[in-house]
Amino acid sequence: MTLGQMSDAQDFIAFVTLGVGMFIGSWASGRVVDAFRAGSGHGWNRIWLVPAAAAAVVLLLFALFFRSAEADRQSPVVSVS
């Protein structure tokens, strides 16, 4: 087995065991890092703003749409006769 085949096998095992989210995250992070290339280095401050903004959006969505089971039990039931 060559080194390239071992890498492909490891990638496949990681994909199967860790799921699609890790695959998409790895792909997206590579694109973000490449987008903020600055000369011979990277603009790490701007790179880290991307996942921070994504986390803020997820927090906002969670706060807007989360409903606990307790809140559902306490809400009054209105019947129409």
PDB file of N, CA and C in Angstrom:
ATOM      1  N   MET A   1       0.860  -1.171   0.000  1.00  0.00           N
ATOM      2  CA  MET A   1       0.000   0.000   0.000  1.00  0.00           C
ATOM      3  C   MET A   1       0.907   1.235   0.000  1.00  0.00           C
ATOM      4  N   THR A   2       0.609   2.171  -0.884  1.00  0.00           N
ATOM      5  CA  THR A   2       1.416   3.387  -0.962  1.00  0.00           C
ATOM      6  C   THR A   2       0.910   4.414   0.054  1.00  0.00           C
ATOM      7  N   LEU A   3       1.710   5.448   0.250  1.00  0.00           N
ATOM      8  CA  LEU A   3       1.334   6.498   1.195  1.00  0.00           C
ATOM      9  C   LEU A   3       0.035   7.185   0.765  1.00  0.00           C
ATOM     10  N   GLY A   4      -0.142   7.409  -0.524  1.00  0.00           N
ATOM     11  CA  GLY A   4      -1.371   8.023  -1.030  1.00  0.00           C
ATOM     12  C   GLY A   4      -2.592   7.168  -0.765  1.00  0.00           C
ATOM     13  N   GLN A   5      -2.448   5.846  -0.905  1.00  0.00           N
ATOM     14  CA  GLN A   5      -3.565   4.942  -0.637  1.00  0.00           C
ATOM     15  C   GLN A   5      -3.897   4.918   0.846  1.00  0.00           C
ATOM     16  N   MET A   6      -2.855   4.988   1.704  1.00  0.00           N
ATOM     17  CA  MET A   6      -3.107   5.019   3.147  1.00  0.00           C
ATOM     18  C   MET A   6      -3.855   6.284   3.525  1.00  0.00           C
ATOM     19  N   SER A   7      -3.482   7.398   2.925  1.00  0.00           N
ATOM     20  CA  SER A   7      -4.159   8.654   3.202  1.00  0.00           C
ATOM     21  C   SER A   7      -5.614   8.588   2.756  1.00  0.00           C
ATOM     22  N   ASP A   8      -5.856   8.024   1.597  1.00  0.00           N
ATOM     23  CA  ASP A   8      -7.224   7.878   1.103  1.00  0.00           C
ATOM     24  C   ASP A   8      -8.035   6.988   2.029  1.00  0.00           C
ATOM     25  N   ALA A   9      -7.440   5.901   2.513  1.00  0.00           N
ATOM     26  CA  ALA A   9      -8.134   4.995   3.421  1.00  0.00           C
ATOM     27  C   ALA A   9      -8.449   5.697   4.740  1.00  0.00           C
ATOM     28  N   GLN A  10      -7.500   6.481   5.258  1.00  0.00           N
ATOM     29  CA  GLN A  10      -7.742   7.211   6.498  1.00  0.00           C
ATOM     30  C   GLN A  10      -8.838   8.247   6.312  1.00  0.00           C
ATOM     31  N   ASP A  11      -8.836   8.922   5.180  1.00  0.00           N
ATOM     32  CA  ASP A  11      -9.890   9.892   4.894  1.00  0.00           C
ATOM     33  C   ASP A  11     -11.253   9.218   4.847  1.00  0.00           C
ATOM     34  N   PHE A  12     -11.319   8.055   4.231  1.00  0.00           N
ATOM     35  CA  PHE A  12     -12.592   7.337   4.122  1.00  0.00           C
ATOM     36  C   PHE A  12     -13.067   6.877   5.496  1.00  0.00           C
ATOM     37  N   ILE A  13     -12.154   6.358   6.315  1.00  0.00           N
ATOM     38  CA  ILE A  13     -12.530   5.910   7.658  1.00  0.00           C
ATOM     39  C   ILE A  13     -13.022   7.094   8.487  1.00  0.00           C
ATOM     40  N   ALA A  14     -12.335   8.227   8.391  1.00  0.00           N
ATOM     41  CA  ALA A  14     -12.772   9.424   9.116  1.00  0.00           C
ATOM     42  C   ALA A  14     -14.152   9.867   8.635  1.00  0.00           C
ATOM     43  N   PHE A  15     -14.386   9.814   7.348  1.00  0.00           N
ATOM     44  CA  PHE A  15     -15.686  10.201   6.783  1.00  0.00           C
ATOM     45  C   PHE A  15     -16.792   9.287   7.296  1.00  0.00           C
ATOM     46  N   VAL A  16     -16.520   7.991   7.324  1.00  0.00           N
ATOM     47  CA  VAL A  16     -17.529   7.030   7.753  1.00  0.00           C
ATOM     48  C   VAL A  16     -17.803   7.160   9.249  1.00  0.00           C
ATOM     49  N   THR A  17     -16.749   7.303  10.064  1.00  0.00           N
ATOM     50  CA  THR A  17     -16.945   7.315  11.512  1.00  0.00           C
ATOM     51  C   THR A  17     -17.354   8.673  12.063  1.00  0.00           C
ATOM     52  N   LEU A  18     -16.908   9.754  11.468  1.00  0.00           N
ATOM     53  CA  LEU A  18     -17.179  11.076  12.020  1.00  0.00           C
ATOM     54  C   LEU A  18     -18.270  11.828  11.273  1.00  0.00           C
ATOM     55  N   GLY A  19     -18.624  11.372  10.100  1.00  0.00           N
ATOM     56  CA  GLY A  19     -19.768  11.921   9.414  1.00  0.00           C
ATOM     57  C   GLY A  19     -19.475  13.025   8.417  1.00  0.00           C
ATOM     58  N   VAL A  20     -20.523  13.442   7.790  1.00  0.00           N
ATOM     59  CA  VAL A  20     -20.465  14.433   6.730  1.00  0.00           C
ATOM     60  C   VAL A  20     -20.088  15.809   7.264  1.00  0.00           C
ATOM     61  N   GLY A  21     -20.484  16.124   8.502  1.00  0.00           N
ATOM     62  CA  GLY A  21     -20.192  17.438   9.070  1.00  0.00           C
ATOM     63  C   GLY A  21     -18.710  17.729   9.132  1.00  0.00           C
ATOM     64  N   MET A  22     -17.926  16.734   9.513  1.00  0.00           N
ATOM     65  CA  MET A  22     -16.483  16.938   9.573  1.00  0.00           C
ATOM     66  C   MET A  22     -15.916  17.129   8.164  1.00  0.00           C
ATOM     67  N   PHE A  23     -16.441  16.404   7.213  1.00  0.00           N
ATOM     68  CA  PHE A  23     -15.988  16.534   5.825  1.00  0.00           C
ATOM     69  C   PHE A  23     -16.272  17.940   5.304  1.00  0.00           C
ATOM     70  N   ILE A  24     -17.483  18.419   5.529  1.00  0.00           N
ATOM     71  CA  ILE A  24     -17.858  19.760   5.060  1.00  0.00           C
ATOM     72  C   ILE A  24     -17.056  20.823   5.806  1.00  0.00           C
ATOM     73  N   GLY A  25     -16.875  20.652   7.117  1.00  0.00           N
ATOM     74  CA  GLY A  25     -16.097  21.603   7.898  1.00  0.00           C
ATOM     75  C   GLY A  25     -14.653  21.677   7.443  1.00  0.00           C
ATOM     76  N   SER A  26     -14.068  20.529   7.133  1.00  0.00           N
ATOM     77  CA  SER A  26     -12.687  20.497   6.663  1.00  0.00           C
ATOM     78  C   SER A  26     -12.567  21.200   5.317  1.00  0.00           C
ATOM     79  N   TRP A  27     -13.511  20.945   4.438  1.00  0.00           N
ATOM     80  CA  TRP A  27     -13.510  21.578   3.119  1.00  0.00           C
ATOM     81  C   TRP A  27     -13.678  23.096   3.256  1.00  0.00           C
ATOM     82  N   ALA A  28     -14.659  23.502   4.085  1.00  0.00           N
ATOM     83  CA  ALA A  28     -14.946  24.931   4.241  1.00  0.00           C
ATOM     84  C   ALA A  28     -13.783  25.660   4.904  1.00  0.00           C
ATOM     85  N   SER A  29     -13.152  25.040   5.897  1.00  0.00           N
ATOM     86  CA  SER A  29     -12.041  25.719   6.573  1.00  0.00           C
ATOM     87  C   SER A  29     -10.861  25.914   5.627  1.00  0.00           C
ATOM     88  N   GLY A  30     -10.636  24.961   4.759  1.00  0.00           N
ATOM     89  CA  GLY A  30      -9.577  25.127   3.759  1.00  0.00           C
ATOM     90  C   GLY A  30      -9.858  26.294   2.831  1.00  0.00           C
ATOM     91  N   ARG A  31     -11.101  26.432   2.430  1.00  0.00           N
ATOM     92  CA  ARG A  31     -11.483  27.554   1.556  1.00  0.00           C
ATOM     93  C   ARG A  31     -11.325  28.892   2.269  1.00  0.00           C
ATOM     94  N   VAL A  32     -11.703  28.942   3.552  1.00  0.00           N
ATOM     95  CA  VAL A  32     -11.587  30.187   4.316  1.00  0.00           C
ATOM     96  C   VAL A  32     -10.123  30.573   4.478  1.00  0.00           C
ATOM     97  N   VAL A  33      -9.278  29.618   4.853  1.00  0.00           N
ATOM     98  CA  VAL A  33      -7.854  29.902   5.037  1.00  0.00           C
ATOM     99  C   VAL A  33      -7.232  30.379   3.730  1.00  0.00           C
ATOM    100  N   ASP A  34      -7.586  29.735   2.631  1.00  0.00           N
ATOM    101  CA  ASP A  34      -7.061  30.159   1.331  1.00  0.00           C
ATOM    102  C   ASP A  34      -7.548  31.562   0.950  1.00  0.00           C
ATOM    103  N   ALA A  35      -8.775  31.903   1.341  1.00  0.00           N
ATOM    104  CA  ALA A  35      -9.337  33.208   0.986  1.00  0.00           C
ATOM    105  C   ALA A  35      -8.628  34.352   1.711  1.00  0.00           C
ATOM    106  N   PHE A  36      -8.055  34.086   2.871  1.00  0.00           N
ATOM    107  CA  PHE A  36      -7.410  35.138   3.651  1.00  0.00           C
ATOM    108  C   PHE A  36      -5.895  34.985   3.674  1.00  0.00           C
ATOM    109  N   ARG A  37      -5.347  34.577   2.564  1.00  0.00           N
ATOM    110  CA  ARG A  37      -3.895  34.483   2.423  1.00  0.00           C
ATOM    111  C   ARG A  37      -3.347  35.907   2.302  1.00  0.00           C
ATOM    112  N   ALA A  38      -2.318  36.212   3.096  1.00  0.00           N
ATOM    113  CA  ALA A  38      -1.740  37.560   3.104  1.00  0.00           C
ATOM    114  C   ALA A  38      -0.248  37.451   2.844  1.00  0.00           C
ATOM    115  N   GLY A  39       0.150  37.709   1.627  1.00  0.00           N
ATOM    116  CA  GLY A  39       1.568  37.599   1.273  1.00  0.00           C
ATOM    117  C   GLY A  39       2.057  36.176   1.425  1.00  0.00           C
ATOM    118  N   SER A  40       3.070  35.982   2.267  1.00  0.00           N
ATOM    119  CA  SER A  40       3.586  34.627   2.474  1.00  0.00           C
ATOM    120  C   SER A  40       2.927  33.953   3.673  1.00  0.00           C
ATOM    121  N   GLY A  41       1.995  34.640   4.348  1.00  0.00           N
ATOM    122  CA  GLY A  41       1.319  34.070   5.516  1.00  0.00           C
ATOM    123  C   GLY A  41      -0.188  34.142   5.364  1.00  0.00           C
ATOM    124  N   HIS A  42      -0.848  34.217   6.487  1.00  0.00           N
ATOM    125  CA  HIS A  42      -2.313  34.268   6.496  1.00  0.00           C
ATOM    126  C   HIS A  42      -2.777  35.364   7.443  1.00  0.00           C
ATOM    127  N   GLY A  43      -3.942  35.905   7.165  1.00  0.00           N
ATOM    128  CA  GLY A  43      -4.561  36.898   8.046  1.00  0.00           C
ATOM    129  C   GLY A  43      -5.405  36.182   9.088  1.00  0.00           C
ATOM    130  N   TRP A  44      -4.757  35.683  10.149  1.00  0.00           N
ATOM    131  CA  TRP A  44      -5.440  34.826  11.117  1.00  0.00           C
ATOM    132  C   TRP A  44      -6.549  35.552  11.860  1.00  0.00           C
ATOM    133  N   ASN A  45      -6.421  36.839  12.098  1.00  0.00           N
ATOM    134  CA  ASN A  45      -7.505  37.560  12.772  1.00  0.00           C
ATOM    135  C   ASN A  45      -8.793  37.479  11.964  1.00  0.00           C
ATOM    136  N   ARG A  46      -8.683  37.696  10.674  1.00  0.00           N
ATOM    137  CA  ARG A  46      -9.871  37.628   9.808  1.00  0.00           C
ATOM    138  C   ARG A  46     -10.346  36.195   9.629  1.00  0.00           C
ATOM    139  N   ILE A  47      -9.424  35.239   9.601  1.00  0.00           N
ATOM    140  CA  ILE A  47      -9.820  33.824   9.468  1.00  0.00           C
ATOM    141  C   ILE A  47     -10.672  33.411  10.661  1.00  0.00           C
ATOM    142  N   TRP A  48     -10.248  33.778  11.876  1.00  0.00           N
ATOM    143  CA  TRP A  48     -10.985  33.369  13.071  1.00  0.00           C
ATOM    144  C   TRP A  48     -12.310  34.104  13.221  1.00  0.00           C
ATOM    145  N   LEU A  49     -12.498  35.202  12.521  1.00  0.00           N
ATOM    146  CA  LEU A  49     -13.787  35.885  12.565  1.00  0.00           C
ATOM    147  C   LEU A  49     -14.884  35.075  11.857  1.00  0.00           C
ATOM    148  N   VAL A  50     -14.495  34.270  10.882  1.00  0.00           N
ATOM    149  CA  VAL A  50     -15.490  33.485  10.131  1.00  0.00           C
ATOM    150  C   VAL A  50     -16.176  32.456  11.036  1.00  0.00           C
ATOM    151  N   PRO A  51     -15.447  31.559  11.748  1.00  0.00           N
ATOM    152  CA  PRO A  51     -16.159  30.628  12.629  1.00  0.00           C
ATOM    153  C   PRO A  51     -16.835  31.336  13.812  1.00  0.00           C
ATOM    154  N   ALA A  52     -16.278  32.471  14.254  1.00  0.00           N
ATOM    155  CA  ALA A  52     -16.925  33.221  15.329  1.00  0.00           C
ATOM    156  C   ALA A  52     -18.275  33.757  14.862  1.00  0.00           C
ATOM    157  N   ALA A  53     -18.331  34.269  13.645  1.00  0.00           N
ATOM    158  CA  ALA A  53     -19.596  34.762  13.093  1.00  0.00           C
ATOM    159  C   ALA A  53     -20.578  33.617  12.881  1.00  0.00           C
ATOM    160  N   ALA A  54     -20.090  32.480  12.426  1.00  0.00           N
ATOM    161  CA  ALA A  54     -20.963  31.313  12.237  1.00  0.00           C
ATOM    162  C   ALA A  54     -21.541  30.864  13.572  1.00  0.00           C
ATOM    163  N   ALA A  55     -20.718  30.858  14.626  1.00  0.00           N
ATOM    164  CA  ALA A  55     -21.205  30.481  15.958  1.00  0.00           C
ATOM    165  C   ALA A  55     -22.251  31.470  16.453  1.00  0.00           C
ATOM    166  N   ALA A  56     -22.056  32.760  16.171  1.00  0.00           N
ATOM    167  CA  ALA A  56     -23.027  33.774  16.573  1.00  0.00           C
ATOM    168  C   ALA A  56     -24.363  33.567  15.860  1.00  0.00           C
ATOM    169  N   VAL A  57     -24.313  33.216  14.592  1.00  0.00           N
ATOM    170  CA  VAL A  57     -25.546  32.952  13.838  1.00  0.00           C
ATOM    171  C   VAL A  57     -26.263  31.731  14.408  1.00  0.00           C
ATOM    172  N   VAL A  58     -25.518  30.672  14.707  1.00  0.00           N
ATOM    173  CA  VAL A  58     -26.125  29.467  15.286  1.00  0.00           C
ATOM    174  C   VAL A  58     -26.744  29.792  16.643  1.00  0.00           C
ATOM    175  N   LEU A  59     -26.038  30.583  17.474  1.00  0.00           N
ATOM    176  CA  LEU A  59     -26.584  30.993  18.766  1.00  0.00           C
ATOM    177  C   LEU A  59     -27.882  31.765  18.591  1.00  0.00           C
ATOM    178  N   LEU A  60     -27.916  32.688  17.642  1.00  0.00           N
ATOM    179  CA  LEU A  60     -29.120  33.474  17.383  1.00  0.00           C
ATOM    180  C   LEU A  60     -30.274  32.578  16.936  1.00  0.00           C
ATOM    181  N   LEU A  61     -30.002  31.661  16.019  1.00  0.00           N
ATOM    182  CA  LEU A  61     -31.044  30.745  15.555  1.00  0.00           C
ATOM    183  C   LEU A  61     -31.548  29.857  16.691  1.00  0.00           C
ATOM    184  N   PHE A  62     -30.622  29.389  17.512  1.00  0.00           N
ATOM    185  CA  PHE A  62     -31.008  28.564  18.650  1.00  0.00           C
ATOM    186  C   PHE A  62     -31.898  29.350  19.607  1.00  0.00           C
ATOM    187  N   ALA A  63     -31.510  30.584  19.896  1.00  0.00           N
ATOM    188  CA  ALA A  63     -32.295  31.415  20.809  1.00  0.00           C
ATOM    189  C   ALA A  63     -33.684  31.710  20.249  1.00  0.00           C
ATOM    190  N   LEU A  64     -33.780  31.877  18.942  1.00  0.00           N
ATOM    191  CA  LEU A  64     -35.076  32.196  18.331  1.00  0.00           C
ATOM    192  C   LEU A  64     -36.005  30.996  18.221  1.00  0.00           C
ATOM    193  N   PHE A  65     -35.460  29.818  17.939  1.00  0.00           N
ATOM    194  CA  PHE A  65     -36.307  28.679  17.605  1.00  0.00           C
ATOM    195  C   PHE A  65     -36.362  27.587  18.659  1.00  0.00           C
ATOM    196  N   PHE A  66     -35.591  27.678  19.743  1.00  0.00           N
ATOM    197  CA  PHE A  66     -35.594  26.629  20.749  1.00  0.00           C
ATOM    198  C   PHE A  66     -36.863  26.699  21.579  1.00  0.00           C
ATOM    199  N   ARG A  67     -37.474  25.551  21.746  1.00  0.00           N
ATOM    200  CA  ARG A  67     -38.644  25.440  22.624  1.00  0.00           C
ATOM    201  C   ARG A  67     -38.413  24.230  23.507  1.00  0.00           C
ATOM    202  N   SER A  68     -38.429  24.442  24.802  1.00  0.00           N
ATOM    203  CA  SER A  68     -38.219  23.325  25.715  1.00  0.00           C
ATOM    204  C   SER A  68     -39.504  22.529  25.878  1.00  0.00           C
ATOM    205  N   ALA A  69     -39.375  21.296  26.307  1.00  0.00           N
ATOM    206  CA  ALA A  69     -40.544  20.454  26.539  1.00  0.00           C
ATOM    207  C   ALA A  69     -41.373  21.022  27.681  1.00  0.00           C
ATOM    208  N   GLU A  70     -40.724  21.626  28.671  1.00  0.00           N
ATOM    209  CA  GLU A  70     -41.435  22.218  29.799  1.00  0.00           C
ATOM    210  C   GLU A  70     -42.316  23.383  29.341  1.00  0.00           C
ATOM    211  N   ALA A  71     -41.825  24.195  28.450  1.00  0.00           N
ATOM    212  CA  ALA A  71     -42.619  25.317  27.933  1.00  0.00           C
ATOM    213  C   ALA A  71     -43.825  24.797  27.164  1.00  0.00           C
ATOM    214  N   ASP A  72     -43.664  23.698  26.452  1.00  0.00           N
ATOM    215  CA  ASP A  72     -44.789  23.114  25.719  1.00  0.00           C
ATOM    216  C   ASP A  72     -45.857  22.593  26.676  1.00  0.00           C
ATOM    217  N   ARG A  73     -45.440  22.020  27.817  1.00  0.00           N
ATOM    218  CA  ARG A  73     -46.403  21.485  28.782  1.00  0.00           C
ATOM    219  C   ARG A  73     -47.161  22.609  29.483  1.00  0.00           C
ATOM    220  N   GLN A  74     -46.539  23.767  29.647  1.00  0.00           N
ATOM    221  CA  GLN A  74     -47.164  24.861  30.384  1.00  0.00           C
ATOM    222  C   GLN A  74     -48.041  25.746  29.503  1.00  0.00           C
ATOM    223  N   SER A  75     -47.945  25.609  28.213  1.00  0.00           N
ATOM    224  CA  SER A  75     -48.741  26.460  27.348  1.00  0.00           C
ATOM    225  C   SER A  75     -50.200  26.000  27.398  1.00  0.00           C
ATOM    226  N   PRO A  76     -51.109  26.950  27.494  1.00  0.00           N
ATOM    227  CA  PRO A  76     -52.520  26.592  27.604  1.00  0.00           C
ATOM    228  C   PRO A  76     -53.044  25.970  26.309  1.00  0.00           C
ATOM    229  N   VAL A  77     -53.927  25.032  26.512  1.00  0.00           N
ATOM    230  CA  VAL A  77     -54.562  24.377  25.374  1.00  0.00           C
ATOM    231  C   VAL A  77     -55.894  25.076  25.121  1.00  0.00           C
ATOM    232  N   VAL A  78     -56.095  25.524  23.913  1.00  0.00           N
ATOM    233  CA  VAL A  78     -57.336  26.213  23.565  1.00  0.00           C
ATOM    234  C   VAL A  78     -58.138  25.285  22.688  1.00  0.00           C
ATOM    235  N   SER A  79     -59.344  24.999  23.118  1.00  0.00           N
ATOM    236  CA  SER A  79     -60.201  24.142  22.311  1.00  0.00           C
ATOM    237  C   SER A  79     -61.289  25.001  21.665  1.00  0.00           C
ATOM    238  N   VAL A  80     -61.625  24.647  20.476  1.00  0.00           N
ATOM    239  CA  VAL A  80     -62.661  25.366  19.745  1.00  0.00           C
ATOM    240  C   VAL A  80     -63.884  24.466  19.696  1.00  0.00           C
ATOM    241  N   SER A  81     -65.027  24.975  20.200  1.00  0.00           N
ATOM    242  CA  SER A  81     -66.229  24.160  20.212  1.00  0.00           C
ATOM    243  C   SER A  81     -67.176  24.574  19.120  1.00  0.00           C
TER     244      SER A  81
END
